[in-house]
């Protein structure tokens, strides 16, 4: 089985691209959805201990946690040290299930793939991109998003140009879903013929 790492900066259209991979019959692991899951369960006590006031009603209050860590690199690292080991188990189970199902290709959707060295754990990387104008427009249309918060998030992410340069495949979401679907078909054809690259 070939594992594709799917990544891209905030607002590039990565979640939509992941849905279209799933629509094409590919098993997709969604790191963000798994974070949502553990934020309602096993991560709650450790996060409350590290960031008092970041949880409410037995689950992590994402908006509050974001306020506590977004401008503090040391706090972000502390949060990652809590969350990443918990995510690893879900990730391994997903890959084992996908392999058992006989899928030729599986996709792991990881927002900070390059930033966390995740490219070494996949066979090829798919980077989702769009123009800076479309990116900002999409993000600022979201709830609870300000220019200041956006700039703090972008500062943590590798620049889009660098991601595209390092990618095996690039998906441009600037022109609607049709071209994205066509590009996914093309990527899946090529991926099925690739040699396995991960250790």
Protein backbone atom coordinates (compact mmCIF):
# COMPACT_ATOMS: atom_id res chain seq x y z
CA UNK A 1 0.00 0.00 0.00
CA UNK A 2 1.23 3.48 -0.88
CA UNK A 3 0.68 6.17 1.77
CA UNK A 4 0.15 9.72 0.54
CA UNK A 5 0.65 12.57 3.02
CA UNK A 6 -1.87 15.33 2.32
CA UNK A 7 -0.96 18.78 3.57
CA UNK A 8 -1.30 22.47 2.87
CA UNK A 9 -1.46 25.74 4.75
CA UNK A 10 -4.67 27.00 6.35
CA UNK A 11 -7.37 28.05 3.87
CA UNK A 12 -5.86 26.22 0.88
CA UNK A 13 -8.74 23.74 0.47
CA UNK A 14 -7.11 20.72 2.09
CA UNK A 15 -10.27 19.49 3.88
CA UNK A 16 -12.24 19.62 0.62
CA UNK A 17 -9.44 17.78 -1.19
CA UNK A 18 -9.41 15.10 1.55
CA UNK A 19 -13.20 14.65 1.09
CA UNK A 20 -12.68 14.21 -2.66
CA UNK A 21 -10.02 11.54 -2.07
CA UNK A 22 -12.53 9.75 0.20
CA UNK A 23 -15.21 10.18 -2.49
CA UNK A 24 -12.81 8.43 -4.91
CA UNK A 25 -12.83 5.41 -2.55
CA UNK A 26 -9.51 6.08 -0.81
CA UNK A 27 -9.21 5.53 2.98
CA UNK A 28 -8.41 8.94 4.53
CA UNK A 29 -7.00 9.57 8.01
CA UNK A 30 -8.01 13.00 9.28
CA UNK A 31 -5.61 14.24 11.99
CA UNK A 32 -7.86 17.22 12.84
CA UNK A 33 -10.94 15.01 13.35
CA UNK A 34 -8.87 12.74 15.62
CA UNK A 35 -7.77 15.79 17.65
CA UNK A 36 -11.48 16.72 18.04
CA UNK A 37 -12.10 13.20 19.31
CA UNK A 38 -9.33 13.18 21.93
CA UNK A 39 -10.26 16.75 22.98
CA UNK A 40 -13.55 15.28 24.15
CA UNK A 41 -11.93 12.33 25.94
CA UNK A 42 -8.45 11.13 26.79
CA UNK A 43 -6.57 14.45 26.29
CA UNK A 44 -8.83 16.49 28.61
CA UNK A 45 -7.12 15.85 32.01
CA UNK A 46 -3.57 16.42 30.66
CA UNK A 47 -4.57 19.60 28.81
CA UNK A 48 -6.38 21.02 31.85
CA UNK A 49 -3.32 20.28 33.99
CA UNK A 50 -0.97 22.00 31.51
CA UNK A 51 -3.32 24.87 30.59
CA UNK A 52 -5.71 25.58 33.51
CA UNK A 53 -9.06 26.90 32.28
CA UNK A 54 -8.69 25.41 28.78
CA UNK A 55 -11.45 22.86 29.36
CA UNK A 56 -15.14 23.21 30.15
CA UNK A 57 -17.94 20.67 30.69
CA UNK A 58 -15.50 17.75 30.43
CA UNK A 59 -13.98 18.70 27.09
CA UNK A 60 -11.34 21.00 25.69
CA UNK A 61 -12.62 24.47 24.80
CA UNK A 62 -10.76 24.87 21.51
CA UNK A 63 -11.26 28.65 21.27
CA UNK A 64 -9.95 29.17 24.81
CA UNK A 65 -7.01 26.80 24.28
CA UNK A 66 -6.15 28.58 21.04
CA UNK A 67 -6.09 31.94 22.89
CA UNK A 68 -3.70 30.46 25.47
CA UNK A 69 -1.20 29.00 22.98
CA UNK A 70 -1.45 30.82 19.62
CA UNK A 71 1.20 33.47 20.37
CA UNK A 72 3.44 31.25 22.53
CA UNK A 73 5.75 28.77 20.72
CA UNK A 74 6.74 27.07 24.01
CA UNK A 75 3.06 26.50 24.88
CA UNK A 76 2.43 25.08 21.41
CA UNK A 77 5.31 22.63 21.88
CA UNK A 78 3.93 21.63 25.31
CA UNK A 79 0.52 20.99 23.74
CA UNK A 80 2.07 18.93 20.92
CA UNK A 81 3.94 16.79 23.49
CA UNK A 82 0.57 15.90 25.03
CA UNK A 83 -1.38 15.37 21.82
CA UNK A 84 1.05 13.75 19.37
CA UNK A 85 1.66 10.49 21.31
CA UNK A 86 -2.15 10.05 21.67
CA UNK A 87 -2.65 10.58 17.93
CA UNK A 88 0.00 8.01 17.02
CA UNK A 89 -2.16 5.07 18.16
CA UNK A 90 -5.13 6.19 16.04
CA UNK A 91 -2.85 6.73 13.06
CA UNK A 92 -1.32 3.25 13.33
CA UNK A 93 -4.74 1.61 13.65
CA UNK A 94 -5.99 3.49 10.57
CA UNK A 95 -3.01 2.29 8.48
CA UNK A 96 -3.41 -1.31 9.68
CA UNK A 97 -7.14 -1.26 8.81
CA UNK A 98 -6.48 0.32 5.38
CA UNK A 99 -3.80 -2.29 4.64
CA UNK A 100 -6.15 -5.12 5.70
CA UNK A 101 -8.90 -3.74 3.45
CA UNK A 102 -6.58 -4.22 0.46
CA UNK A 103 -6.55 -0.50 -0.46
CA UNK A 104 -3.73 0.24 -2.96
CA UNK A 105 -3.42 3.82 -1.68
CA UNK A 106 -4.25 5.49 1.67
CA UNK A 107 -4.17 9.21 2.49
CA UNK A 108 -3.09 10.74 5.80
CA UNK A 109 -4.34 14.31 6.10
CA UNK A 110 -1.86 16.14 8.37
CA UNK A 111 -1.88 19.97 8.44
CA UNK A 112 1.68 20.33 9.83
CA UNK A 113 3.21 17.40 7.90
CA UNK A 114 6.50 19.10 6.93
CA UNK A 115 6.71 21.05 10.17
CA UNK A 116 6.68 17.79 12.19
CA UNK A 117 8.92 15.67 9.90
CA UNK A 118 5.90 13.63 8.75
CA UNK A 119 7.14 13.46 5.15
CA UNK A 120 9.52 10.70 6.30
CA UNK A 121 6.58 8.49 7.29
CA UNK A 122 4.79 8.57 3.92
CA UNK A 123 5.65 7.49 0.37
CA UNK A 124 4.75 10.76 -1.34
CA UNK A 125 3.42 14.19 -0.37
CA UNK A 126 0.41 15.97 -1.90
CA UNK A 127 0.36 19.73 -1.23
CA UNK A 128 -2.88 21.67 -1.63
CA UNK A 129 -2.54 25.29 -2.72
CA UNK A 130 -4.39 28.36 -3.96
CA UNK A 131 -3.59 32.04 -4.49
CA UNK A 132 -2.74 34.18 -1.41
CA UNK A 133 -5.83 36.31 -2.15
CA UNK A 134 -8.23 33.33 -2.17
CA UNK A 135 -6.49 31.90 0.91
CA UNK A 136 -6.98 35.07 3.01
CA UNK A 137 -10.54 35.51 1.77
CA UNK A 138 -11.47 31.93 2.79
CA UNK A 139 -9.86 32.18 6.21
CA UNK A 140 -11.18 35.59 7.19
CA UNK A 141 -14.71 34.40 6.32
CA UNK A 142 -14.45 31.88 9.20
CA UNK A 143 -15.86 32.52 12.66
CA UNK A 144 -13.45 33.67 15.38
CA UNK A 145 -10.79 34.64 12.83
CA UNK A 146 -8.97 37.96 12.84
CA UNK A 147 -6.05 39.25 10.76
CA UNK A 148 -3.86 39.02 13.90
CA UNK A 149 -4.80 35.39 14.63
CA UNK A 150 -4.31 34.48 10.97
CA UNK A 151 -0.83 36.00 10.93
CA UNK A 152 0.11 34.03 14.08
CA UNK A 153 -1.09 30.78 12.45
CA UNK A 154 0.72 31.48 9.17
CA UNK A 155 3.94 32.26 11.08
CA UNK A 156 3.91 28.67 12.42
CA UNK A 157 3.39 27.12 8.99
CA UNK A 158 6.06 26.57 6.36
CA UNK A 159 5.56 29.02 3.45
CA UNK A 160 3.33 27.68 0.67
CA UNK A 161 6.05 28.14 -1.98
CA UNK A 162 8.44 25.93 0.00
CA UNK A 163 5.78 23.23 0.47
CA UNK A 164 5.01 23.21 -3.27
CA UNK A 165 8.70 22.94 -4.08
CA UNK A 166 9.12 19.90 -1.81
CA UNK A 167 5.86 18.18 -2.86
CA UNK A 168 5.58 15.13 -5.09
CA UNK A 169 2.13 16.31 -6.24
CA UNK A 170 0.42 19.71 -6.10
CA UNK A 171 -3.37 20.23 -6.15
CA UNK A 172 -4.55 23.77 -6.99
CA UNK A 173 -8.02 24.48 -5.59
CA UNK A 174 -8.40 27.94 -7.18
CA UNK A 175 -10.70 26.81 -10.03
CA UNK A 176 -13.47 24.78 -8.42
CA UNK A 177 -14.02 21.06 -7.77
CA UNK A 178 -13.88 19.69 -11.33
CA UNK A 179 -10.13 20.26 -11.84
CA UNK A 180 -9.42 18.97 -8.29
CA UNK A 181 -11.29 15.71 -9.00
CA UNK A 182 -9.36 15.27 -12.26
CA UNK A 183 -6.04 15.92 -10.50
CA UNK A 184 -6.90 13.37 -7.78
CA UNK A 185 -7.59 10.70 -10.44
CA UNK A 186 -4.23 11.51 -12.01
CA UNK A 187 -2.41 11.34 -8.63
CA UNK A 188 -4.04 7.98 -7.76
CA UNK A 189 -2.99 6.52 -11.15
CA UNK A 190 0.60 7.60 -10.57
CA UNK A 191 0.68 6.62 -6.88
CA UNK A 192 -0.46 3.06 -7.63
CA UNK A 193 2.69 2.59 -9.77
CA UNK A 194 5.13 4.19 -7.31
CA UNK A 195 7.74 2.31 -5.31
CA UNK A 196 7.28 2.43 -1.54
CA UNK A 197 9.60 5.10 -0.10
CA UNK A 198 9.02 5.14 3.65
CA UNK A 199 11.38 3.10 5.86
